[in-house]
mmCIF file of all heavy atoms, coordinates in Angstrom:
data_MODEL
# 
_entry.id   MODEL 
# 
loop_
_atom_site.group_PDB 
_atom_site.id 
_atom_site.type_symbol 
_atom_site.label_atom_id 
_atom_site.label_alt_id 
_atom_site.label_comp_id 
_atom_site.label_asym_id 
_atom_site.label_entity_id 
_atom_site.label_seq_id 
_atom_site.pdbx_PDB_ins_code 
_atom_site.Cartn_x 
_atom_site.Cartn_y 
_atom_site.Cartn_z 
_atom_site.occupancy 
_atom_site.B_iso_or_equiv 
_atom_site.pdbx_formal_charge 
_atom_site.auth_seq_id 
_atom_site.auth_comp_id 
_atom_site.auth_asym_id 
_atom_site.auth_atom_id 
_atom_site.pdbx_PDB_model_num 
ATOM 1   N N   . PHE A 1 1  ? -104.924 -47.975 -12.840 1.00 0.00 ? 1  PHE A N   1 
ATOM 2   C CA  . PHE A 1 1  ? -106.208 -47.559 -12.270 1.00 0.00 ? 1  PHE A CA  1 
ATOM 3   C C   . PHE A 1 1  ? -107.364 -48.001 -13.170 1.00 0.00 ? 1  PHE A C   1 
ATOM 4   O O   . PHE A 1 1  ? -108.366 -48.558 -12.700 1.00 0.00 ? 1  PHE A O   1 
ATOM 5   C CB  . PHE A 1 1  ? -106.220 -46.044 -12.099 1.00 0.00 ? 1  PHE A CB  1 
ATOM 6   C CG  . PHE A 1 1  ? -107.400 -45.520 -11.338 1.00 0.00 ? 1  PHE A CG  1 
ATOM 7   C CD1 . PHE A 1 1  ? -107.492 -45.685 -9.971  1.00 0.00 ? 1  PHE A CD1 1 
ATOM 8   C CD2 . PHE A 1 1  ? -108.428 -44.869 -11.994 1.00 0.00 ? 1  PHE A CD2 1 
ATOM 9   C CE1 . PHE A 1 1  ? -108.586 -45.210 -9.258  1.00 0.00 ? 1  PHE A CE1 1 
ATOM 10  C CE2 . PHE A 1 1  ? -109.522 -44.390 -11.294 1.00 0.00 ? 1  PHE A CE2 1 
ATOM 11  C CZ  . PHE A 1 1  ? -109.599 -44.558 -9.927  1.00 0.00 ? 1  PHE A CZ  1 
ATOM 12  N N   . VAL A 1 2  ? -107.220 -47.767 -14.477 1.00 0.00 ? 2  VAL A N   1 
ATOM 13  C CA  . VAL A 1 2  ? -108.253 -48.167 -15.441 1.00 0.00 ? 2  VAL A CA  1 
ATOM 14  C C   . VAL A 1 2  ? -108.405 -49.686 -15.446 1.00 0.00 ? 2  VAL A C   1 
ATOM 15  O O   . VAL A 1 2  ? -109.524 -50.214 -15.501 1.00 0.00 ? 2  VAL A O   1 
ATOM 16  C CB  . VAL A 1 2  ? -107.896 -47.660 -16.856 1.00 0.00 ? 2  VAL A CB  1 
ATOM 17  C CG1 . VAL A 1 2  ? -108.840 -48.257 -17.904 1.00 0.00 ? 2  VAL A CG1 1 
ATOM 18  C CG2 . VAL A 1 2  ? -107.964 -46.139 -16.905 1.00 0.00 ? 2  VAL A CG2 1 
ATOM 19  N N   . GLU A 1 3  ? -107.277 -50.403 -15.356 1.00 0.00 ? 3  GLU A N   1 
ATOM 20  C CA  . GLU A 1 3  ? -107.300 -51.866 -15.358 1.00 0.00 ? 3  GLU A CA  1 
ATOM 21  C C   . GLU A 1 3  ? -108.059 -52.416 -14.157 1.00 0.00 ? 3  GLU A C   1 
ATOM 22  O O   . GLU A 1 3  ? -108.869 -53.337 -14.283 1.00 0.00 ? 3  GLU A O   1 
ATOM 23  C CB  . GLU A 1 3  ? -105.856 -52.384 -15.348 1.00 0.00 ? 3  GLU A CB  1 
ATOM 24  C CG  . GLU A 1 3  ? -105.729 -53.886 -15.449 1.00 0.00 ? 3  GLU A CG  1 
ATOM 25  C CD  . GLU A 1 3  ? -104.286 -54.348 -15.409 1.00 0.00 ? 3  GLU A CD  1 
ATOM 26  O OE1 . GLU A 1 3  ? -103.410 -53.582 -15.871 1.00 0.00 ? 3  GLU A OE1 1 
ATOM 27  O OE2 . GLU A 1 3  ? -104.037 -55.459 -14.912 1.00 0.00 ? 3  GLU A OE2 1 
ATOM 28  N N   . ILE A 1 4  ? -107.807 -51.833 -12.976 1.00 0.00 ? 4  ILE A N   1 
ATOM 29  C CA  . ILE A 1 4  ? -108.487 -52.289 -11.759 1.00 0.00 ? 4  ILE A CA  1 
ATOM 30  C C   . ILE A 1 4  ? -109.980 -51.977 -11.821 1.00 0.00 ? 4  ILE A C   1 
ATOM 31  O O   . ILE A 1 4  ? -110.822 -52.802 -11.428 1.00 0.00 ? 4  ILE A O   1 
ATOM 32  C CB  . ILE A 1 4  ? -107.843 -51.644 -10.518 1.00 0.00 ? 4  ILE A CB  1 
ATOM 33  C CG1 . ILE A 1 4  ? -106.489 -52.290 -10.239 1.00 0.00 ? 4  ILE A CG1 1 
ATOM 34  C CG2 . ILE A 1 4  ? -108.740 -51.793 -9.288  1.00 0.00 ? 4  ILE A CG2 1 
ATOM 35  C CD1 . ILE A 1 4  ? -105.746 -51.697 -9.061  1.00 0.00 ? 4  ILE A CD1 1 
ATOM 36  N N   . LEU A 1 5  ? -110.329 -50.795 -12.321 1.00 0.00 ? 5  LEU A N   1 
ATOM 37  C CA  . LEU A 1 5  ? -111.746 -50.435 -12.436 1.00 0.00 ? 5  LEU A CA  1 
ATOM 38  C C   . LEU A 1 5  ? -112.478 -51.362 -13.398 1.00 0.00 ? 5  LEU A C   1 
ATOM 39  O O   . LEU A 1 5  ? -113.622 -51.764 -13.143 1.00 0.00 ? 5  LEU A O   1 
ATOM 40  C CB  . LEU A 1 5  ? -111.878 -48.984 -12.895 1.00 0.00 ? 5  LEU A CB  1 
ATOM 41  C CG  . LEU A 1 5  ? -111.504 -47.895 -11.868 1.00 0.00 ? 5  LEU A CG  1 
ATOM 42  C CD1 . LEU A 1 5  ? -111.708 -46.517 -12.463 1.00 0.00 ? 5  LEU A CD1 1 
ATOM 43  C CD2 . LEU A 1 5  ? -112.346 -48.039 -10.601 1.00 0.00 ? 5  LEU A CD2 1 
ATOM 44  N N   . LYS A 1 6  ? -111.844 -51.709 -14.514 1.00 0.00 ? 6  LYS A N   1 
ATOM 45  C CA  . LYS A 1 6  ? -112.450 -52.643 -15.475 1.00 0.00 ? 6  LYS A CA  1 
ATOM 46  C C   . LYS A 1 6  ? -112.656 -54.018 -14.855 1.00 0.00 ? 6  LYS A C   1 
ATOM 47  O O   . LYS A 1 6  ? -113.682 -54.659 -15.048 1.00 0.00 ? 6  LYS A O   1 
ATOM 48  C CB  . LYS A 1 6  ? -111.561 -52.761 -16.723 1.00 0.00 ? 6  LYS A CB  1 
ATOM 49  C CG  . LYS A 1 6  ? -111.648 -51.576 -17.668 1.00 0.00 ? 6  LYS A CG  1 
ATOM 50  C CD  . LYS A 1 6  ? -110.789 -51.806 -18.906 1.00 0.00 ? 6  LYS A CD  1 
ATOM 51  C CE  . LYS A 1 6  ? -110.934 -50.645 -19.893 1.00 0.00 ? 6  LYS A CE  1 
ATOM 52  N NZ  . LYS A 1 6  ? -110.079 -50.837 -21.096 1.00 0.00 ? 6  LYS A NZ  1 
ATOM 53  N N   . ARG A 1 7  ? -111.645 -54.453 -14.061 1.00 0.00 ? 7  ARG A N   1 
ATOM 54  C CA  . ARG A 1 7  ? -111.740 -55.755 -13.408 1.00 0.00 ? 7  ARG A CA  1 
ATOM 55  C C   . ARG A 1 7  ? -112.876 -55.772 -12.381 1.00 0.00 ? 7  ARG A C   1 
ATOM 56  O O   . ARG A 1 7  ? -113.627 -56.746 -12.287 1.00 0.00 ? 7  ARG A O   1 
ATOM 57  C CB  . ARG A 1 7  ? -110.411 -56.068 -12.733 1.00 0.00 ? 7  ARG A CB  1 
ATOM 58  C CG  . ARG A 1 7  ? -110.326 -57.489 -12.174 1.00 0.00 ? 7  ARG A CG  1 
ATOM 59  C CD  . ARG A 1 7  ? -108.971 -57.734 -11.558 1.00 0.00 ? 7  ARG A CD  1 
ATOM 60  N NE  . ARG A 1 7  ? -107.909 -57.567 -12.545 1.00 0.00 ? 7  ARG A NE  1 
ATOM 61  C CZ  . ARG A 1 7  ? -106.623 -57.559 -12.226 1.00 0.00 ? 7  ARG A CZ  1 
ATOM 62  N NH1 . ARG A 1 7  ? -106.251 -57.672 -10.960 1.00 0.00 ? 7  ARG A NH1 1 
ATOM 63  N NH2 . ARG A 1 7  ? -105.711 -57.419 -13.162 1.00 0.00 ? 7  ARG A NH2 1 
ATOM 64  N N   . LYS A 1 8  ? -112.999 -54.675 -11.618 1.00 0.00 ? 8  LYS A N   1 
ATOM 65  C CA  . LYS A 1 8  ? -114.076 -54.586 -10.624 1.00 0.00 ? 8  LYS A CA  1 
ATOM 66  C C   . LYS A 1 8  ? -115.444 -54.574 -11.303 1.00 0.00 ? 8  LYS A C   1 
ATOM 67  O O   . LYS A 1 8  ? -116.394 -55.190 -10.827 1.00 0.00 ? 8  LYS A O   1 
ATOM 68  C CB  . LYS A 1 8  ? -113.911 -53.322 -9.773  1.00 0.00 ? 8  LYS A CB  1 
ATOM 69  C CG  . LYS A 1 8  ? -112.734 -53.392 -8.805  1.00 0.00 ? 8  LYS A CG  1 
ATOM 70  C CD  . LYS A 1 8  ? -112.689 -52.190 -7.892  1.00 0.00 ? 8  LYS A CD  1 
ATOM 71  C CE  . LYS A 1 8  ? -113.798 -52.233 -6.868  1.00 0.00 ? 8  LYS A CE  1 
ATOM 72  N NZ  . LYS A 1 8  ? -113.702 -51.143 -5.884  1.00 0.00 ? 8  LYS A NZ  1 
ATOM 73  N N   . LYS A 1 9  ? -115.531 -53.879 -12.443 1.00 0.00 ? 9  LYS A N   1 
ATOM 74  C CA  . LYS A 1 9  ? -116.786 -53.825 -13.192 1.00 0.00 ? 9  LYS A CA  1 
ATOM 75  C C   . LYS A 1 9  ? -117.159 -55.200 -13.733 1.00 0.00 ? 9  LYS A C   1 
ATOM 76  O O   . LYS A 1 9  ? -118.322 -55.618 -13.687 1.00 0.00 ? 9  LYS A O   1 
ATOM 77  C CB  . LYS A 1 9  ? -116.651 -52.824 -14.347 1.00 0.00 ? 9  LYS A CB  1 
ATOM 78  C CG  . LYS A 1 9  ? -117.956 -52.500 -15.043 1.00 0.00 ? 9  LYS A CG  1 
ATOM 79  C CD  . LYS A 1 9  ? -117.738 -51.411 -16.088 1.00 0.00 ? 9  LYS A CD  1 
ATOM 80  C CE  . LYS A 1 9  ? -119.058 -51.061 -16.774 1.00 0.00 ? 9  LYS A CE  1 
ATOM 81  N NZ  . LYS A 1 9  ? -118.864 -50.011 -17.808 1.00 0.00 ? 9  LYS A NZ  1 
ATOM 82  N N   . LEU A 1 10 ? -116.141 -55.938 -14.232 1.00 0.00 ? 10 LEU A N   1 
ATOM 83  C CA  . LEU A 1 10 ? -116.373 -57.285 -14.746 1.00 0.00 ? 10 LEU A CA  1 
ATOM 84  C C   . LEU A 1 10 ? -116.807 -58.224 -13.634 1.00 0.00 ? 10 LEU A C   1 
ATOM 85  O O   . LEU A 1 10 ? -117.746 -59.020 -13.811 1.00 0.00 ? 10 LEU A O   1 
ATOM 86  C CB  . LEU A 1 10 ? -115.089 -57.802 -15.414 1.00 0.00 ? 10 LEU A CB  1 
ATOM 87  C CG  . LEU A 1 10 ? -115.138 -59.218 -16.003 1.00 0.00 ? 10 LEU A CG  1 
ATOM 88  C CD1 . LEU A 1 10 ? -116.197 -59.293 -17.103 1.00 0.00 ? 10 LEU A CD1 1 
ATOM 89  C CD2 . LEU A 1 10 ? -113.778 -59.626 -16.550 1.00 0.00 ? 10 LEU A CD2 1 
ATOM 90  N N   . LEU A 1 11 ? -116.149 -58.141 -12.461 1.00 0.00 ? 11 LEU A N   1 
ATOM 91  C CA  . LEU A 1 11 ? -116.530 -58.981 -11.327 1.00 0.00 ? 11 LEU A CA  1 
ATOM 92  C C   . LEU A 1 11 ? -117.949 -58.679 -10.860 1.00 0.00 ? 11 LEU A C   1 
ATOM 93  O O   . LEU A 1 11 ? -118.700 -59.590 -10.486 1.00 0.00 ? 11 LEU A O   1 
ATOM 94  C CB  . LEU A 1 11 ? -115.543 -58.760 -10.173 1.00 0.00 ? 11 LEU A CB  1 
ATOM 95  C CG  . LEU A 1 11 ? -114.144 -59.390 -10.328 1.00 0.00 ? 11 LEU A CG  1 
ATOM 96  C CD1 . LEU A 1 11 ? -113.237 -58.938 -9.197  1.00 0.00 ? 11 LEU A CD1 1 
ATOM 97  C CD2 . LEU A 1 11 ? -114.246 -60.912 -10.362 1.00 0.00 ? 11 LEU A CD2 1 
ATOM 98  N N   . ARG A 1 12 ? -118.317 -57.382 -10.892 1.00 0.00 ? 12 ARG A N   1 
ATOM 99  C CA  . ARG A 1 12 ? -119.671 -57.004 -10.494 1.00 0.00 ? 12 ARG A CA  1 
ATOM 100 C C   . ARG A 1 12 ? -120.705 -57.616 -11.446 1.00 0.00 ? 12 ARG A C   1 
ATOM 101 O O   . ARG A 1 12 ? -121.759 -58.098 -11.024 1.00 0.00 ? 12 ARG A O   1 
ATOM 102 C CB  . ARG A 1 12 ? -119.786 -55.478 -10.490 1.00 0.00 ? 12 ARG A CB  1 
ATOM 103 C CG  . ARG A 1 12 ? -120.991 -54.969 -9.682  1.00 0.00 ? 12 ARG A CG  1 
ATOM 104 C CD  . ARG A 1 12 ? -121.058 -53.454 -9.665  1.00 0.00 ? 12 ARG A CD  1 
ATOM 105 N NE  . ARG A 1 12 ? -119.901 -52.865 -9.012  1.00 0.00 ? 12 ARG A NE  1 
ATOM 106 C CZ  . ARG A 1 12 ? -119.014 -52.093 -9.615  1.00 0.00 ? 12 ARG A CZ  1 
ATOM 107 N NH1 . ARG A 1 12 ? -119.132 -51.823 -10.903 1.00 0.00 ? 12 ARG A NH1 1 
ATOM 108 N NH2 . ARG A 1 12 ? -118.007 -51.594 -8.949  1.00 0.00 ? 12 ARG A NH2 1 
ATOM 109 N N   . LYS A 1 13 ? -120.380 -57.603 -12.746 1.00 0.00 ? 13 LYS A N   1 
ATOM 110 C CA  . LYS A 1 13 ? -121.293 -58.186 -13.736 1.00 0.00 ? 13 LYS A CA  1 
ATOM 111 C C   . LYS A 1 13 ? -121.411 -59.694 -13.549 1.00 0.00 ? 13 LYS A C   1 
ATOM 112 O O   . LYS A 1 13 ? -122.499 -60.265 -13.626 1.00 0.00 ? 13 LYS A O   1 
ATOM 113 C CB  . LYS A 1 13 ? -120.796 -57.878 -15.151 1.00 0.00 ? 13 LYS A CB  1 
ATOM 114 C CG  . LYS A 1 13 ? -121.032 -56.447 -15.596 1.00 0.00 ? 13 LYS A CG  1 
ATOM 115 C CD  . LYS A 1 13 ? -120.567 -56.249 -17.037 1.00 0.00 ? 13 LYS A CD  1 
ATOM 116 C CE  . LYS A 1 13 ? -120.840 -54.823 -17.513 1.00 0.00 ? 13 LYS A CE  1 
ATOM 117 N NZ  . LYS A 1 13 ? -120.386 -54.630 -18.919 1.00 0.00 ? 13 LYS A NZ  1 
ATOM 118 N N   . LEU A 1 14 ? -120.258 -60.355 -13.286 1.00 0.00 ? 14 LEU A N   1 
ATOM 119 C CA  . LEU A 1 14 ? -120.272 -61.801 -13.084 1.00 0.00 ? 14 LEU A CA  1 
ATOM 120 C C   . LEU A 1 14 ? -121.058 -62.178 -11.838 1.00 0.00 ? 14 LEU A C   1 
ATOM 121 O O   . LEU A 1 14 ? -121.806 -63.160 -11.832 1.00 0.00 ? 14 LEU A O   1 
ATOM 122 C CB  . LEU A 1 14 ? -118.831 -62.316 -12.978 1.00 0.00 ? 14 LEU A CB  1 
ATOM 123 C CG  . LEU A 1 14 ? -118.000 -62.281 -14.271 1.00 0.00 ? 14 LEU A CG  1 
ATOM 124 C CD1 . LEU A 1 14 ? -116.551 -62.661 -13.980 1.00 0.00 ? 14 LEU A CD1 1 
ATOM 125 C CD2 . LEU A 1 14 ? -118.590 -63.223 -15.317 1.00 0.00 ? 14 LEU A CD2 1 
ATOM 126 N N   . ASN A 1 15 ? -120.881 -61.397 -10.767 1.00 0.00 ? 15 ASN A N   1 
ATOM 127 C CA  . ASN A 1 15 ? -121.632 -61.665 -9.532  1.00 0.00 ? 15 ASN A CA  1 
ATOM 128 C C   . ASN A 1 15 ? -123.120 -61.462 -9.731  1.00 0.00 ? 15 ASN A C   1 
ATOM 129 O O   . ASN A 1 15 ? -123.938 -62.233 -9.219  1.00 0.00 ? 15 ASN A O   1 
ATOM 130 C CB  . ASN A 1 15 ? -121.131 -60.747 -8.413  1.00 0.00 ? 15 ASN A CB  1 
ATOM 131 C CG  . ASN A 1 15 ? -119.731 -61.114 -7.955  1.00 0.00 ? 15 ASN A CG  1 
ATOM 132 O OD1 . ASN A 1 15 ? -119.308 -62.251 -8.086  1.00 0.00 ? 15 ASN A OD1 1 
ATOM 133 N ND2 . ASN A 1 15 ? -118.994 -60.146 -7.431  1.00 0.00 ? 15 ASN A ND2 1 
ATOM 134 N N   . THR A 1 16 ? -123.482 -60.417 -10.492 1.00 0.00 ? 16 THR A N   1 
ATOM 135 C CA  . THR A 1 16 ? -124.898 -60.158 -10.784 1.00 0.00 ? 16 THR A CA  1 
ATOM 136 C C   . THR A 1 16 ? -125.492 -61.280 -11.613 1.00 0.00 ? 16 THR A C   1 
ATOM 137 O O   . THR A 1 16 ? -126.602 -61.759 -11.349 1.00 0.00 ? 16 THR A O   1 
ATOM 138 C CB  . THR A 1 16 ? -125.045 -58.812 -11.536 1.00 0.00 ? 16 THR A CB  1 
ATOM 139 O OG1 . THR A 1 16 ? -124.463 -57.774 -10.769 1.00 0.00 ? 16 THR A OG1 1 
ATOM 140 C CG2 . THR A 1 16 ? -126.505 -58.507 -11.776 1.00 0.00 ? 16 THR A CG2 1 
ATOM 141 N N   . ALA A 1 17 ? -124.716 -61.728 -12.627 1.00 0.00 ? 17 ALA A N   1 
ATOM 142 C CA  . ALA A 1 17 ? -125.192 -62.811 -13.490 1.00 0.00 ? 17 ALA A CA  1 
ATOM 143 C C   . ALA A 1 17 ? -125.358 -64.102 -12.697 1.00 0.00 ? 17 ALA A C   1 
ATOM 144 O O   . ALA A 1 17 ? -126.333 -64.842 -12.868 1.00 0.00 ? 17 ALA A O   1 
ATOM 145 C CB  . ALA A 1 17 ? -124.210 -63.016 -14.642 1.00 0.00 ? 17 ALA A CB  1 
ATOM 146 N N   . SER A 1 18 ? -124.394 -64.369 -11.789 1.00 0.00 ? 18 SER A N   1 
ATOM 147 C CA  . SER A 1 18 ? -124.466 -65.571 -10.956 1.00 0.00 ? 18 SER A CA  1 
ATOM 148 C C   . SER A 1 18 ? -125.670 -65.522 -10.029 1.00 0.00 ? 18 SER A C   1 
ATOM 149 O O   . SER A 1 18 ? -126.359 -66.534 -9.829  1.00 0.00 ? 18 SER A O   1 
ATOM 150 C CB  . SER A 1 18 ? -123.182 -65.698 -10.141 1.00 0.00 ? 18 SER A CB  1 
ATOM 151 O OG  . SER A 1 18 ? -123.246 -66.799 -9.268  1.00 0.00 ? 18 SER A OG  1 
ATOM 152 N N   . PHE A 1 19 ? -125.943 -64.326 -9.479  1.00 0.00 ? 19 PHE A N   1 
ATOM 153 C CA  . PHE A 1 19 ? -127.093 -64.160 -8.585  1.00 0.00 ? 19 PHE A CA  1 
ATOM 154 C C   . PHE A 1 19 ? -128.402 -64.383 -9.336  1.00 0.00 ? 19 PHE A C   1 
ATOM 155 O O   . PHE A 1 19 ? -129.315 -65.050 -8.844  1.00 0.00 ? 19 PHE A O   1 
ATOM 156 C CB  . PHE A 1 19 ? -127.064 -62.757 -7.975  1.00 0.00 ? 19 PHE A CB  1 
ATOM 157 C CG  . PHE A 1 19 ? -128.234 -62.452 -7.084  1.00 0.00 ? 19 PHE A CG  1 
ATOM 158 C CD1 . PHE A 1 19 ? -128.319 -63.001 -5.809  1.00 0.00 ? 19 PHE A CD1 1 
ATOM 159 C CD2 . PHE A 1 19 ? -129.274 -61.632 -7.524  1.00 0.00 ? 19 PHE A CD2 1 
ATOM 160 C CE1 . PHE A 1 19 ? -129.397 -62.730 -4.990  1.00 0.00 ? 19 PHE A CE1 1 
ATOM 161 C CE2 . PHE A 1 19 ? -130.353 -61.358 -6.720  1.00 0.00 ? 19 PHE A CE2 1 
ATOM 162 C CZ  . PHE A 1 19 ? -130.417 -61.912 -5.446  1.00 0.00 ? 19 PHE A CZ  1 
ATOM 163 N N   . VAL A 1 20 ? -128.502 -63.834 -10.554 1.00 0.00 ? 20 VAL A N   1 
ATOM 164 C CA  . VAL A 1 20 ? -129.711 -63.988 -11.363 1.00 0.00 ? 20 VAL A CA  1 
ATOM 165 C C   . VAL A 1 20 ? -129.932 -65.450 -11.717 1.00 0.00 ? 20 VAL A C   1 
ATOM 166 O O   . VAL A 1 20 ? -131.057 -65.963 -11.655 1.00 0.00 ? 20 VAL A O   1 
ATOM 167 C CB  . VAL A 1 20 ? -129.611 -63.133 -12.654 1.00 0.00 ? 20 VAL A CB  1 
ATOM 168 C CG1 . VAL A 1 20 ? -130.752 -63.461 -13.602 1.00 0.00 ? 20 VAL A CG1 1 
ATOM 169 C CG2 . VAL A 1 20 ? -129.619 -61.656 -12.308 1.00 0.00 ? 20 VAL A CG2 1 
ATOM 170 N N   . GLU A 1 21 ? -128.836 -66.161 -12.083 1.00 0.00 ? 21 GLU A N   1 
ATOM 171 C CA  . GLU A 1 21 ? -128.945 -67.582 -12.418 1.00 0.00 ? 21 GLU A CA  1 
ATOM 172 C C   . GLU A 1 21 ? -129.420 -68.390 -11.214 1.00 0.00 ? 21 GLU A C   1 
ATOM 173 O O   . GLU A 1 21 ? -130.229 -69.309 -11.339 1.00 0.00 ? 21 GLU A O   1 
ATOM 174 C CB  . GLU A 1 21 ? -127.587 -68.109 -12.891 1.00 0.00 ? 21 GLU A CB  1 
ATOM 175 C CG  . GLU A 1 21 ? -127.197 -67.635 -14.286 1.00 0.00 ? 21 GLU A CG  1 
ATOM 176 C CD  . GLU A 1 21 ? -125.826 -68.142 -14.691 1.00 0.00 ? 21 GLU A CD  1 
ATOM 177 O OE1 . GLU A 1 21 ? -125.229 -68.928 -13.913 1.00 0.00 ? 21 GLU A OE1 1 
ATOM 178 O OE2 . GLU A 1 21 ? -125.352 -67.764 -15.772 1.00 0.00 ? 21 GLU A OE2 1 
ATOM 179 N N   . LYS A 1 22 ? -128.917 -68.025 -10.032 1.00 0.00 ? 22 LYS A N   1 
ATOM 180 C CA  . LYS A 1 22 ? -129.310 -68.730 -8.828  1.00 0.00 ? 22 LYS A CA  1 
ATOM 181 C C   . LYS A 1 22 ? -130.791 -68.529 -8.540  1.00 0.00 ? 22 LYS A C   1 
ATOM 182 O O   . LYS A 1 22 ? -131.513 -69.477 -8.195  1.00 0.00 ? 22 LYS A O   1 
ATOM 183 C CB  . LYS A 1 22 ? -128.464 -68.240 -7.644  1.00 0.00 ? 22 LYS A CB  1 
ATOM 184 C CG  . LYS A 1 22 ? -128.655 -69.053 -6.369  1.00 0.00 ? 22 LYS A CG  1 
ATOM 185 C CD  . LYS A 1 22 ? -127.808 -68.489 -5.242  1.00 0.00 ? 22 LYS A CD  1 
ATOM 186 C CE  . LYS A 1 22 ? -126.329 -68.688 -5.524  1.00 0.00 ? 22 LYS A CE  1 
ATOM 187 N NZ  . LYS A 1 22 ? -125.507 -68.264 -4.370  1.00 0.00 ? 22 LYS A NZ  1 
ATOM 188 N N   . ILE A 1 23 ? -131.265 -67.299 -8.693  1.00 0.00 ? 23 ILE A N   1 
ATOM 189 C CA  . ILE A 1 23 ? -132.682 -66.979 -8.455  1.00 0.00 ? 23 ILE A CA  1 
ATOM 190 C C   . ILE A 1 23 ? -133.565 -67.714 -9.465  1.00 0.00 ? 23 ILE A C   1 
ATOM 191 O O   . ILE A 1 23 ? -134.587 -68.309 -9.107  1.00 0.00 ? 23 ILE A O   1 
ATOM 192 C CB  . ILE A 1 23 ? -132.928 -65.460 -8.541  1.00 0.00 ? 23 ILE A CB  1 
ATOM 193 C CG1 . ILE A 1 23 ? -132.194 -64.744 -7.399  1.00 0.00 ? 23 ILE A CG1 1 
ATOM 194 C CG2 . ILE A 1 23 ? -134.420 -65.155 -8.499  1.00 0.00 ? 23 ILE A CG2 1 
ATOM 195 C CD1 . ILE A 1 23 ? -132.693 -65.103 -6.012  1.00 0.00 ? 23 ILE A CD1 1 
ATOM 196 N N   . CYS A 1 24 ? -133.131 -67.657 -10.722 1.00 0.00 ? 24 CYS A N   1 
ATOM 197 C CA  . CYS A 1 24 ? -133.907 -68.321 -11.772 1.00 0.00 ? 24 CYS A CA  1 
ATOM 198 C C   . CYS A 1 24 ? -133.943 -69.829 -11.543 1.00 0.00 ? 24 CYS A C   1 
ATOM 199 O O   . CYS A 1 24 ? -134.970 -70.487 -11.763 1.00 0.00 ? 24 CYS A O   1 
ATOM 200 C CB  . CYS A 1 24 ? -133.320 -68.043 -13.140 1.00 0.00 ? 24 CYS A CB  1 
ATOM 201 S SG  . CYS A 1 24 ? -133.521 -66.313 -13.649 1.00 0.00 ? 24 CYS A SG  1 
# 
């Protein structure tokens, strides 16, 4: 459960970073 939550959190950060890079 902890492993999946960490993975989801990491994916959310990567998606946010990718979105910010695209906007910039």
